[in-house]
């Protein structure tokens, strides 16, 4: 492993995900200094960190070790590049992991732009055996509710459809570091890393 090349790929992938060094460090339960050291080529990640680091960055371990993203691998279809589309007519939820033209009920759909959760779209995560119990602090009224939540890891999407007047809670299987997407009927899509 070339520490300079690996550091460059860590920095590049982290920035492409809009993460700070501090956010990456928190997700991996390490210090911000450690991330800085990796990115400047002053050291390499410990072998025990490689899988979690690669998963968080949305690349495979081999690419991390080589310090370059391999051409010809299926990076374009990586689940971390997922896009969500919701039909305004039938509330159908569609996804793609690459560029796509999506339509439903005669409507051409654009992907929802995910933003960081605000104070009105918070959740709690409680560990229960091999699952996380997610509870959202959000009203579930007929006109204002959470339409769906999705837990995305590098190889799968776990989607939960929610309905008005239902509890805003669900369980997800623990699979390391992933992204939790929450879609509000009024305020749109929110995304945050979850461990």
N, C-alpha and C. Protein backbone atom coordinates (compact mmCIF):
# COMPACT_ATOMS: atom_id res chain seq x y z
N UNK A 1 0.86 -1.17 0.00
CA UNK A 1 0.00 0.00 0.00
C UNK A 1 0.90 1.23 0.00
N UNK A 2 0.68 2.10 -0.97
CA UNK A 2 1.40 3.37 -1.07
C UNK A 2 0.62 4.41 -0.26
N UNK A 3 1.19 4.87 0.85
CA UNK A 3 0.45 5.76 1.76
C UNK A 3 0.03 7.07 1.08
N UNK A 4 0.85 7.57 0.15
CA UNK A 4 0.49 8.82 -0.53
C UNK A 4 -0.71 8.62 -1.44
N UNK A 5 -0.69 7.55 -2.25
CA UNK A 5 -1.81 7.27 -3.16
C UNK A 5 -3.09 6.96 -2.39
N UNK A 6 -2.95 6.15 -1.34
CA UNK A 6 -4.12 5.81 -0.53
C UNK A 6 -4.69 7.06 0.13
N UNK A 7 -3.81 7.92 0.62
CA UNK A 7 -4.26 9.18 1.23
C UNK A 7 -5.00 10.05 0.25
N UNK A 8 -4.50 10.10 -0.99
CA UNK A 8 -5.16 10.90 -2.02
C UNK A 8 -6.56 10.38 -2.33
N UNK A 9 -6.71 9.06 -2.41
CA UNK A 9 -8.02 8.48 -2.72
C UNK A 9 -8.99 8.66 -1.55
N UNK A 10 -8.48 8.58 -0.32
CA UNK A 10 -9.34 8.83 0.85
C UNK A 10 -9.85 10.27 0.81
N UNK A 11 -8.95 11.21 0.57
CA UNK A 11 -9.32 12.63 0.52
C UNK A 11 -10.32 12.90 -0.61
N UNK A 12 -10.04 12.38 -1.79
CA UNK A 12 -10.90 12.58 -2.95
C UNK A 12 -12.31 12.03 -2.70
N UNK A 13 -12.39 10.80 -2.22
CA UNK A 13 -13.70 10.17 -1.98
C UNK A 13 -14.46 10.85 -0.85
N UNK A 14 -13.75 11.25 0.19
CA UNK A 14 -14.39 11.94 1.32
C UNK A 14 -15.01 13.26 0.83
N UNK A 15 -14.23 14.02 0.07
CA UNK A 15 -14.72 15.31 -0.43
C UNK A 15 -15.88 15.13 -1.40
N UNK A 16 -15.83 14.07 -2.23
CA UNK A 16 -16.92 13.84 -3.18
C UNK A 16 -18.22 13.50 -2.47
N UNK A 17 -18.13 13.01 -1.23
CA UNK A 17 -19.32 12.71 -0.45
C UNK A 17 -19.74 13.91 0.41
N UNK A 18 -19.00 15.02 0.31
CA UNK A 18 -19.34 16.23 1.07
C UNK A 18 -19.06 16.10 2.56
N UNK A 19 -18.11 15.23 2.93
CA UNK A 19 -17.79 15.01 4.35
C UNK A 19 -16.54 15.77 4.74
N UNK A 20 -16.52 16.22 5.97
CA UNK A 20 -15.30 16.80 6.52
C UNK A 20 -14.46 15.67 7.12
N UNK A 21 -13.21 15.96 7.43
CA UNK A 21 -12.37 14.96 8.09
C UNK A 21 -12.97 14.57 9.44
N UNK A 22 -13.54 15.55 10.12
CA UNK A 22 -14.16 15.28 11.43
C UNK A 22 -15.34 14.33 11.29
N UNK A 23 -16.19 14.53 10.28
CA UNK A 23 -17.35 13.66 10.08
C UNK A 23 -16.91 12.23 9.77
N UNK A 24 -15.89 12.08 8.91
CA UNK A 24 -15.39 10.75 8.59
C UNK A 24 -14.82 10.09 9.85
N UNK A 25 -14.08 10.85 10.62
CA UNK A 25 -13.50 10.32 11.86
C UNK A 25 -14.59 9.85 12.82
N UNK A 26 -15.65 10.64 12.97
CA UNK A 26 -16.74 10.26 13.87
C UNK A 26 -17.43 8.97 13.41
N UNK A 27 -17.63 8.83 12.10
CA UNK A 27 -18.27 7.62 11.58
C UNK A 27 -17.43 6.38 11.84
N UNK A 28 -16.11 6.54 11.84
CA UNK A 28 -15.21 5.41 12.02
C UNK A 28 -14.74 5.25 13.47
N UNK A 29 -15.20 6.16 14.34
CA UNK A 29 -14.82 6.14 15.76
C UNK A 29 -13.30 6.26 15.94
N UNK A 30 -12.71 7.19 15.22
CA UNK A 30 -11.28 7.46 15.32
C UNK A 30 -11.11 8.97 15.47
N UNK A 31 -9.87 9.42 15.61
CA UNK A 31 -9.63 10.85 15.76
C UNK A 31 -9.52 11.54 14.39
N UNK A 32 -9.81 12.82 14.40
CA UNK A 32 -9.68 13.63 13.18
C UNK A 32 -8.21 13.68 12.74
N UNK A 33 -7.28 13.64 13.72
CA UNK A 33 -5.85 13.64 13.42
C UNK A 33 -5.46 12.41 12.60
N UNK A 34 -6.09 11.28 12.90
CA UNK A 34 -5.79 10.05 12.17
C UNK A 34 -6.18 10.18 10.72
N UNK A 35 -7.37 10.73 10.45
CA UNK A 35 -7.82 10.94 9.07
C UNK A 35 -6.87 11.89 8.36
N UNK A 36 -6.47 12.96 9.02
CA UNK A 36 -5.54 13.93 8.44
C UNK A 36 -4.21 13.26 8.10
N UNK A 37 -3.74 12.40 9.00
CA UNK A 37 -2.47 11.69 8.78
C UNK A 37 -2.56 10.78 7.55
N UNK A 38 -3.70 10.07 7.41
CA UNK A 38 -3.88 9.21 6.23
C UNK A 38 -3.85 10.05 4.96
N UNK A 39 -4.62 11.15 4.96
CA UNK A 39 -4.78 11.94 3.74
C UNK A 39 -3.50 12.64 3.32
N UNK A 40 -2.61 12.93 4.25
CA UNK A 40 -1.35 13.58 3.90
C UNK A 40 -0.24 12.57 3.62
N UNK A 41 -0.58 11.29 3.68
CA UNK A 41 0.41 10.24 3.40
C UNK A 41 1.32 9.94 4.56
N UNK A 42 1.00 10.44 5.74
CA UNK A 42 1.82 10.21 6.93
C UNK A 42 1.62 8.86 7.58
N UNK A 43 0.70 8.09 7.07
CA UNK A 43 0.43 6.76 7.61
C UNK A 43 -0.71 6.11 6.83
N UNK A 44 -0.89 4.83 7.05
CA UNK A 44 -1.95 4.08 6.36
C UNK A 44 -2.97 3.58 7.36
N UNK A 45 -4.20 3.39 6.90
CA UNK A 45 -5.22 2.83 7.79
C UNK A 45 -4.82 1.43 8.25
N UNK A 46 -5.19 1.11 9.48
CA UNK A 46 -4.96 -0.23 10.00
C UNK A 46 -5.83 -1.21 9.22
N UNK A 47 -5.32 -2.43 9.07
CA UNK A 47 -6.05 -3.43 8.30
C UNK A 47 -7.46 -3.67 8.84
N UNK A 48 -7.64 -3.51 10.15
CA UNK A 48 -8.96 -3.70 10.75
C UNK A 48 -9.96 -2.61 10.35
N UNK A 49 -9.45 -1.48 9.82
CA UNK A 49 -10.30 -0.35 9.44
C UNK A 49 -10.67 -0.35 7.96
N UNK A 50 -9.99 -1.17 7.15
CA UNK A 50 -10.13 -1.07 5.70
C UNK A 50 -11.55 -1.26 5.21
N UNK A 51 -12.24 -2.29 5.69
CA UNK A 51 -13.59 -2.56 5.19
C UNK A 51 -14.56 -1.44 5.54
N UNK A 52 -14.53 -0.98 6.78
CA UNK A 52 -15.43 0.10 7.20
C UNK A 52 -15.10 1.40 6.46
N UNK A 53 -13.81 1.68 6.26
CA UNK A 53 -13.40 2.88 5.56
C UNK A 53 -13.84 2.85 4.10
N UNK A 54 -13.59 1.72 3.43
CA UNK A 54 -13.98 1.58 2.02
C UNK A 54 -15.49 1.70 1.87
N UNK A 55 -16.24 1.06 2.77
CA UNK A 55 -17.69 1.11 2.71
C UNK A 55 -18.19 2.54 2.89
N UNK A 56 -17.62 3.26 3.82
CA UNK A 56 -18.01 4.65 4.08
C UNK A 56 -17.72 5.54 2.88
N UNK A 57 -16.60 5.28 2.20
CA UNK A 57 -16.21 6.10 1.05
C UNK A 57 -16.89 5.66 -0.24
N UNK A 58 -17.55 4.49 -0.20
CA UNK A 58 -18.27 4.01 -1.39
C UNK A 58 -17.36 3.40 -2.44
N UNK A 59 -16.22 2.86 -2.00
CA UNK A 59 -15.31 2.18 -2.93
C UNK A 59 -15.02 0.79 -2.39
N UNK A 60 -14.31 -0.03 -3.19
CA UNK A 60 -13.98 -1.36 -2.66
C UNK A 60 -12.60 -1.32 -2.01
N UNK A 61 -12.32 -2.33 -1.20
CA UNK A 61 -11.07 -2.38 -0.44
C UNK A 61 -9.85 -2.41 -1.36
N UNK A 62 -9.94 -3.14 -2.49
CA UNK A 62 -8.81 -3.22 -3.42
C UNK A 62 -8.45 -1.83 -3.95
N UNK A 63 -9.45 -1.04 -4.30
CA UNK A 63 -9.20 0.32 -4.80
C UNK A 63 -8.53 1.17 -3.71
N UNK A 64 -8.97 0.98 -2.48
CA UNK A 64 -8.38 1.71 -1.36
C UNK A 64 -6.91 1.33 -1.19
N UNK A 65 -6.63 0.04 -1.26
CA UNK A 65 -5.26 -0.44 -1.11
C UNK A 65 -4.35 0.05 -2.24
N UNK A 66 -4.89 0.05 -3.46
CA UNK A 66 -4.11 0.49 -4.63
C UNK A 66 -3.99 2.01 -4.70
N UNK A 67 -4.95 2.70 -4.07
CA UNK A 67 -4.94 4.16 -4.12
C UNK A 67 -5.49 4.71 -5.42
N UNK A 68 -6.31 3.93 -6.10
CA UNK A 68 -6.95 4.39 -7.34
C UNK A 68 -8.24 3.62 -7.57
N UNK A 69 -9.19 4.29 -8.19
CA UNK A 69 -10.45 3.63 -8.50
C UNK A 69 -10.28 2.93 -9.83
N UNK A 70 -10.49 1.62 -9.83
CA UNK A 70 -10.28 0.81 -11.03
C UNK A 70 -11.30 1.14 -12.09
N UNK A 71 -10.84 1.29 -13.31
CA UNK A 71 -11.75 1.43 -14.43
C UNK A 71 -12.29 0.04 -14.74
N UNK A 72 -13.51 -0.02 -15.19
CA UNK A 72 -14.08 -1.32 -15.53
C UNK A 72 -14.79 -1.98 -14.37
N UNK A 73 -14.65 -1.45 -13.15
CA UNK A 73 -15.42 -2.01 -12.06
C UNK A 73 -16.78 -1.34 -12.07
N UNK A 74 -17.68 -1.82 -11.30
CA UNK A 74 -19.05 -1.33 -11.33
C UNK A 74 -19.26 -0.14 -10.40
N UNK A 75 -18.31 0.78 -10.37
CA UNK A 75 -18.46 1.95 -9.50
C UNK A 75 -19.63 2.82 -9.90
N UNK A 76 -19.99 2.82 -11.19
CA UNK A 76 -21.11 3.65 -11.63
C UNK A 76 -22.43 3.15 -11.05
N UNK A 77 -22.49 1.87 -10.72
CA UNK A 77 -23.71 1.31 -10.15
C UNK A 77 -23.63 1.14 -8.65
N UNK A 78 -22.65 1.76 -8.01
CA UNK A 78 -22.47 1.65 -6.58
C UNK A 78 -23.72 2.17 -5.87
N UNK A 79 -24.19 1.43 -4.88
CA UNK A 79 -25.42 1.79 -4.17
C UNK A 79 -25.31 3.16 -3.48
N UNK A 80 -24.09 3.59 -3.16
CA UNK A 80 -23.94 4.91 -2.53
C UNK A 80 -24.25 6.05 -3.50
N UNK A 81 -24.41 5.73 -4.80
CA UNK A 81 -24.78 6.76 -5.78
C UNK A 81 -26.28 6.74 -6.05
N UNK A 82 -27.03 6.09 -5.20
CA UNK A 82 -28.47 5.91 -5.42
C UNK A 82 -29.20 7.25 -5.52
N UNK A 83 -30.20 7.25 -6.38
CA UNK A 83 -31.09 8.40 -6.54
C UNK A 83 -32.52 7.91 -6.31
N UNK A 84 -33.33 8.72 -5.65
CA UNK A 84 -34.72 8.37 -5.38
C UNK A 84 -35.65 9.27 -6.18
N UNK A 85 -36.70 8.68 -6.73
CA UNK A 85 -37.73 9.39 -7.50
C UNK A 85 -39.08 9.02 -6.89
N UNK A 86 -39.96 10.00 -6.73
CA UNK A 86 -41.30 9.73 -6.21
C UNK A 86 -42.33 10.28 -7.18
N UNK A 87 -43.29 9.43 -7.55
CA UNK A 87 -44.34 9.84 -8.47
C UNK A 87 -45.38 10.68 -7.73
N UNK A 88 -45.70 11.89 -8.22
CA UNK A 88 -46.68 12.73 -7.55
C UNK A 88 -48.11 12.20 -7.71
N UNK A 89 -48.31 11.34 -8.68
CA UNK A 89 -49.65 10.80 -8.96
C UNK A 89 -50.00 9.62 -8.05
N UNK A 90 -49.11 8.61 -8.03
CA UNK A 90 -49.42 7.36 -7.32
C UNK A 90 -48.51 7.11 -6.12
N UNK A 91 -47.57 8.01 -5.85
CA UNK A 91 -46.60 7.90 -4.74
C UNK A 91 -45.64 6.73 -4.90
N UNK A 92 -45.51 6.20 -6.10
CA UNK A 92 -44.56 5.14 -6.38
C UNK A 92 -43.15 5.64 -6.08
N UNK A 93 -42.29 4.78 -5.51
CA UNK A 93 -40.91 5.13 -5.20
C UNK A 93 -40.01 4.33 -6.15
N UNK A 94 -39.19 5.04 -6.91
CA UNK A 94 -38.28 4.39 -7.86
C UNK A 94 -36.85 4.80 -7.53
N UNK A 95 -35.89 3.94 -7.88
CA UNK A 95 -34.49 4.25 -7.62
C UNK A 95 -33.63 3.96 -8.85
N UNK A 96 -32.47 4.57 -8.88
CA UNK A 96 -31.45 4.25 -9.88
C UNK A 96 -30.09 4.45 -9.24
N UNK A 97 -29.09 3.73 -9.74
CA UNK A 97 -27.73 3.90 -9.22
C UNK A 97 -26.81 4.49 -10.29
N UNK A 98 -27.41 4.99 -11.36
CA UNK A 98 -26.66 5.63 -12.43
C UNK A 98 -27.60 6.60 -13.13
N UNK A 99 -27.12 7.29 -14.14
CA UNK A 99 -27.97 8.21 -14.88
C UNK A 99 -29.14 7.43 -15.48
N UNK A 100 -30.35 7.98 -15.38
CA UNK A 100 -31.54 7.29 -15.88
C UNK A 100 -32.62 8.30 -16.23
N UNK A 101 -33.47 7.90 -17.16
CA UNK A 101 -34.67 8.68 -17.48
C UNK A 101 -35.82 7.88 -16.88
N UNK A 102 -36.47 8.45 -15.88
CA UNK A 102 -37.50 7.76 -15.12
C UNK A 102 -38.84 8.47 -15.33
N UNK A 103 -39.88 7.67 -15.58
CA UNK A 103 -41.23 8.25 -15.66
C UNK A 103 -42.21 7.30 -15.02
N UNK A 104 -43.32 7.88 -14.55
CA UNK A 104 -44.38 7.09 -13.92
C UNK A 104 -45.69 7.87 -14.07
N UNK A 105 -46.76 7.18 -14.40
CA UNK A 105 -48.09 7.78 -14.56
C UNK A 105 -48.06 8.96 -15.54
N UNK A 106 -47.21 8.87 -16.56
CA UNK A 106 -47.13 9.92 -17.56
C UNK A 106 -46.29 11.12 -17.16
N UNK A 107 -45.67 11.07 -15.99
CA UNK A 107 -44.83 12.17 -15.51
C UNK A 107 -43.36 11.80 -15.66
N UNK A 108 -42.56 12.70 -16.20
CA UNK A 108 -41.11 12.53 -16.21
C UNK A 108 -40.62 12.97 -14.84
N UNK A 109 -39.87 12.10 -14.17
CA UNK A 109 -39.46 12.38 -12.79
C UNK A 109 -38.00 12.81 -12.70
N UNK A 110 -37.73 13.72 -11.80
CA UNK A 110 -36.36 14.15 -11.49
C UNK A 110 -35.97 13.54 -10.15
N UNK A 111 -34.67 13.23 -9.97
CA UNK A 111 -34.27 12.67 -8.68
C UNK A 111 -34.39 13.71 -7.57
N UNK A 112 -34.77 13.24 -6.39
CA UNK A 112 -34.86 14.13 -5.23
C UNK A 112 -33.44 14.48 -4.78
N UNK A 113 -33.22 15.73 -4.43
CA UNK A 113 -31.93 16.17 -3.92
C UNK A 113 -31.92 16.00 -2.40
N UNK A 114 -31.01 15.18 -1.90
CA UNK A 114 -30.95 14.94 -0.45
C UNK A 114 -30.17 16.05 0.24
N UNK A 115 -30.68 16.45 1.40
CA UNK A 115 -30.00 17.46 2.21
C UNK A 115 -29.82 16.93 3.62
N UNK A 116 -29.02 17.62 4.40
CA UNK A 116 -28.79 17.23 5.80
C UNK A 116 -30.07 17.43 6.60
N UNK A 117 -30.39 16.51 7.53
CA UNK A 117 -31.60 16.68 8.36
C UNK A 117 -31.53 17.96 9.19
N UNK A 118 -32.69 18.61 9.31
CA UNK A 118 -32.79 19.79 10.16
C UNK A 118 -33.48 19.38 11.47
N UNK A 119 -33.77 20.36 12.32
CA UNK A 119 -34.36 20.08 13.63
C UNK A 119 -35.72 19.40 13.55
N UNK A 120 -36.47 19.62 12.45
CA UNK A 120 -37.80 19.02 12.31
C UNK A 120 -37.75 17.60 11.76
N UNK A 121 -36.58 17.15 11.33
CA UNK A 121 -36.47 15.82 10.72
C UNK A 121 -35.37 15.02 11.40
N UNK A 122 -35.49 14.91 12.72
CA UNK A 122 -34.52 14.17 13.51
C UNK A 122 -35.04 12.78 13.82
N UNK A 123 -34.16 11.93 14.27
CA UNK A 123 -34.54 10.57 14.62
C UNK A 123 -33.68 10.10 15.78
N UNK A 124 -34.11 9.03 16.42
CA UNK A 124 -33.29 8.35 17.41
C UNK A 124 -33.06 6.93 16.90
N UNK A 125 -31.90 6.39 17.21
CA UNK A 125 -31.56 5.02 16.80
C UNK A 125 -31.18 4.24 18.05
N UNK A 126 -31.95 3.19 18.33
CA UNK A 126 -31.68 2.35 19.50
C UNK A 126 -31.26 0.97 19.03
N UNK A 127 -30.14 0.50 19.55
CA UNK A 127 -29.63 -0.82 19.17
C UNK A 127 -30.43 -1.91 19.89
N UNK A 128 -30.99 -2.84 19.09
CA UNK A 128 -31.75 -3.97 19.63
C UNK A 128 -31.22 -5.23 18.93
N UNK A 129 -30.36 -5.98 19.64
CA UNK A 129 -29.69 -7.16 19.08
C UNK A 129 -28.96 -6.79 17.79
N UNK A 130 -29.32 -7.41 16.66
CA UNK A 130 -28.61 -7.13 15.40
C UNK A 130 -29.36 -6.11 14.54
N UNK A 131 -30.25 -5.33 15.16
CA UNK A 131 -31.02 -4.33 14.43
C UNK A 131 -30.91 -2.96 15.11
N UNK A 132 -31.29 -1.95 14.36
CA UNK A 132 -31.44 -0.61 14.91
C UNK A 132 -32.92 -0.25 14.82
N UNK A 133 -33.47 0.20 15.94
CA UNK A 133 -34.85 0.66 15.97
C UNK A 133 -34.80 2.17 15.76
N UNK A 134 -35.35 2.62 14.63
CA UNK A 134 -35.33 4.03 14.26
C UNK A 134 -36.69 4.64 14.55
N UNK A 135 -36.70 5.74 15.29
CA UNK A 135 -37.95 6.44 15.58
C UNK A 135 -37.77 7.90 15.17
N UNK A 136 -38.71 8.38 14.37
CA UNK A 136 -38.63 9.74 13.84
C UNK A 136 -39.49 10.69 14.66
N UNK A 137 -38.95 11.87 14.94
CA UNK A 137 -39.70 12.90 15.66
C UNK A 137 -40.39 13.77 14.61
N UNK A 138 -41.45 13.25 14.02
CA UNK A 138 -42.10 13.94 12.92
C UNK A 138 -43.60 13.64 12.94
N UNK A 139 -44.45 14.64 12.65
CA UNK A 139 -45.88 14.35 12.60
C UNK A 139 -46.20 13.39 11.45
N UNK A 140 -47.24 12.61 11.62
CA UNK A 140 -47.67 11.68 10.58
C UNK A 140 -49.13 11.99 10.25
N UNK A 141 -49.35 13.24 9.82
CA UNK A 141 -50.70 13.71 9.46
C UNK A 141 -50.98 13.37 8.01
N UNK A 142 -52.24 13.47 7.59
CA UNK A 142 -52.62 13.11 6.22
C UNK A 142 -51.90 13.95 5.16
N UNK A 143 -51.62 15.21 5.46
CA UNK A 143 -50.99 16.07 4.46
C UNK A 143 -49.50 16.30 4.71
N UNK A 144 -49.00 15.90 5.88
CA UNK A 144 -47.59 16.12 6.23
C UNK A 144 -47.09 14.91 7.01
N UNK A 145 -46.28 14.10 6.33
CA UNK A 145 -45.81 12.86 6.96
C UNK A 145 -44.52 12.38 6.27
N UNK A 146 -43.88 11.40 6.86
CA UNK A 146 -42.71 10.76 6.25
C UNK A 146 -43.24 9.71 5.28
N UNK A 147 -42.88 9.85 4.01
CA UNK A 147 -43.39 8.93 2.98
C UNK A 147 -42.60 7.64 2.92
N UNK A 148 -41.27 7.74 3.09
CA UNK A 148 -40.46 6.52 3.13
C UNK A 148 -39.14 6.82 3.82
N UNK A 149 -38.49 5.74 4.24
CA UNK A 149 -37.13 5.81 4.78
C UNK A 149 -36.35 4.68 4.13
N UNK A 150 -35.07 4.91 3.88
CA UNK A 150 -34.25 3.88 3.24
C UNK A 150 -32.87 3.87 3.90
N UNK A 151 -32.37 2.67 4.13
CA UNK A 151 -31.03 2.48 4.67
C UNK A 151 -30.18 1.91 3.55
N UNK A 152 -29.14 2.64 3.15
CA UNK A 152 -28.32 2.27 2.00
C UNK A 152 -26.90 1.95 2.44
N UNK A 153 -26.44 0.74 2.09
CA UNK A 153 -25.04 0.37 2.28
C UNK A 153 -24.46 0.11 0.90
N UNK A 154 -23.21 -0.28 0.82
CA UNK A 154 -22.56 -0.40 -0.49
C UNK A 154 -23.19 -1.46 -1.38
N UNK A 155 -23.91 -2.42 -0.80
CA UNK A 155 -24.45 -3.50 -1.64
C UNK A 155 -25.96 -3.69 -1.58
N UNK A 156 -26.68 -2.86 -0.82
CA UNK A 156 -28.13 -3.04 -0.75
C UNK A 156 -28.87 -1.81 -0.23
N UNK A 157 -30.18 -1.83 -0.50
CA UNK A 157 -31.08 -0.79 -0.02
C UNK A 157 -32.20 -1.47 0.75
N UNK A 158 -32.44 -0.99 1.95
CA UNK A 158 -33.57 -1.48 2.75
C UNK A 158 -34.58 -0.34 2.81
N UNK A 159 -35.72 -0.51 2.14
CA UNK A 159 -36.71 0.56 1.99
C UNK A 159 -37.92 0.30 2.88
N UNK A 160 -38.37 1.33 3.58
CA UNK A 160 -39.56 1.24 4.43
C UNK A 160 -40.56 2.29 3.98
N UNK A 161 -41.70 1.87 3.50
CA UNK A 161 -42.78 2.78 3.10
C UNK A 161 -43.58 3.11 4.35
N UNK A 162 -43.82 4.39 4.59
CA UNK A 162 -44.58 4.83 5.75
C UNK A 162 -45.84 5.54 5.28
N UNK A 163 -46.87 5.52 6.11
CA UNK A 163 -48.16 6.07 5.73
C UNK A 163 -48.67 7.03 6.80
N UNK A 164 -49.55 7.98 6.41
CA UNK A 164 -50.12 8.90 7.39
C UNK A 164 -50.82 8.15 8.52
N UNK A 165 -50.78 8.73 9.69
CA UNK A 165 -51.43 8.21 10.89
C UNK A 165 -50.86 6.88 11.36
N UNK A 166 -49.69 6.53 10.86
CA UNK A 166 -48.95 5.35 11.30
C UNK A 166 -47.81 5.85 12.18
N UNK A 167 -47.24 4.97 13.01
CA UNK A 167 -46.07 5.37 13.79
C UNK A 167 -44.91 5.63 12.85
N UNK A 168 -44.16 6.66 13.12
CA UNK A 168 -42.98 6.99 12.32
C UNK A 168 -41.77 6.25 12.89
N UNK A 169 -41.79 4.92 12.76
CA UNK A 169 -40.70 4.11 13.28
C UNK A 169 -40.56 2.84 12.45
N UNK A 170 -39.38 2.25 12.49
CA UNK A 170 -39.10 1.02 11.75
C UNK A 170 -37.78 0.44 12.26
N UNK A 171 -37.49 -0.78 11.85
CA UNK A 171 -36.24 -1.44 12.23
C UNK A 171 -35.40 -1.68 10.99
N UNK A 172 -34.08 -1.54 11.15
CA UNK A 172 -33.18 -1.88 10.07
C UNK A 172 -32.13 -2.86 10.59
N UNK A 173 -31.67 -3.73 9.72
CA UNK A 173 -30.63 -4.69 10.06
C UNK A 173 -29.29 -3.95 10.10
N UNK A 174 -28.50 -4.15 11.15
CA UNK A 174 -27.19 -3.51 11.25
C UNK A 174 -26.28 -4.10 10.18
N UNK A 175 -25.67 -3.22 9.39
CA UNK A 175 -24.75 -3.67 8.34
C UNK A 175 -23.53 -2.75 8.27
N UNK A 176 -23.08 -2.24 9.36
CA UNK A 176 -21.94 -1.32 9.35
C UNK A 176 -22.40 0.10 9.08
N UNK A 177 -21.58 0.85 8.41
CA UNK A 177 -21.88 2.25 8.13
C UNK A 177 -22.73 2.34 6.87
N UNK A 178 -23.78 3.13 6.94
CA UNK A 178 -24.65 3.32 5.79
C UNK A 178 -25.23 4.72 5.80
N UNK A 179 -26.11 4.98 4.88
CA UNK A 179 -26.78 6.26 4.79
C UNK A 179 -28.26 6.05 5.05
N UNK A 180 -28.83 6.87 5.91
CA UNK A 180 -30.25 6.81 6.20
C UNK A 180 -30.93 7.96 5.46
N UNK A 181 -31.83 7.60 4.54
CA UNK A 181 -32.61 8.58 3.79
C UNK A 181 -34.00 8.66 4.39
N UNK A 182 -34.51 9.87 4.57
CA UNK A 182 -35.85 10.10 5.09
C UNK A 182 -36.54 11.07 4.15
N UNK A 183 -37.73 10.72 3.65
CA UNK A 183 -38.43 11.59 2.71
C UNK A 183 -39.71 12.12 3.36
N UNK A 184 -39.80 13.44 3.43
CA UNK A 184 -40.96 14.13 4.00
C UNK A 184 -41.87 14.59 2.86
N UNK A 185 -43.17 14.42 3.03
CA UNK A 185 -44.13 14.78 1.99
C UNK A 185 -44.09 16.27 1.64
N UNK A 186 -43.68 17.11 2.58
CA UNK A 186 -43.63 18.56 2.34
C UNK A 186 -42.22 19.10 2.13
N UNK A 187 -41.25 18.56 2.86
CA UNK A 187 -39.92 19.15 2.89
C UNK A 187 -38.87 18.40 2.07
N UNK A 188 -39.22 17.28 1.47
CA UNK A 188 -38.29 16.58 0.59
C UNK A 188 -37.44 15.53 1.27
N UNK A 189 -36.29 15.25 0.65
CA UNK A 189 -35.42 14.15 1.05
C UNK A 189 -34.26 14.64 1.92
N UNK A 190 -33.98 13.86 2.97
CA UNK A 190 -32.89 14.15 3.87
C UNK A 190 -32.00 12.91 3.95
N UNK A 191 -30.71 13.11 4.17
CA UNK A 191 -29.77 11.98 4.24
C UNK A 191 -28.72 12.25 5.30
N UNK A 192 -28.37 11.19 6.04
CA UNK A 192 -27.34 11.30 7.07
C UNK A 192 -26.68 9.94 7.22
N UNK A 193 -25.36 9.95 7.47
CA UNK A 193 -24.66 8.69 7.74
C UNK A 193 -25.12 8.14 9.07
N UNK A 194 -25.20 6.82 9.12
CA UNK A 194 -25.62 6.15 10.36
C UNK A 194 -24.75 4.91 10.53
N UNK A 195 -24.47 4.59 11.76
CA UNK A 195 -23.60 3.43 12.06
C UNK A 195 -24.40 2.46 12.88
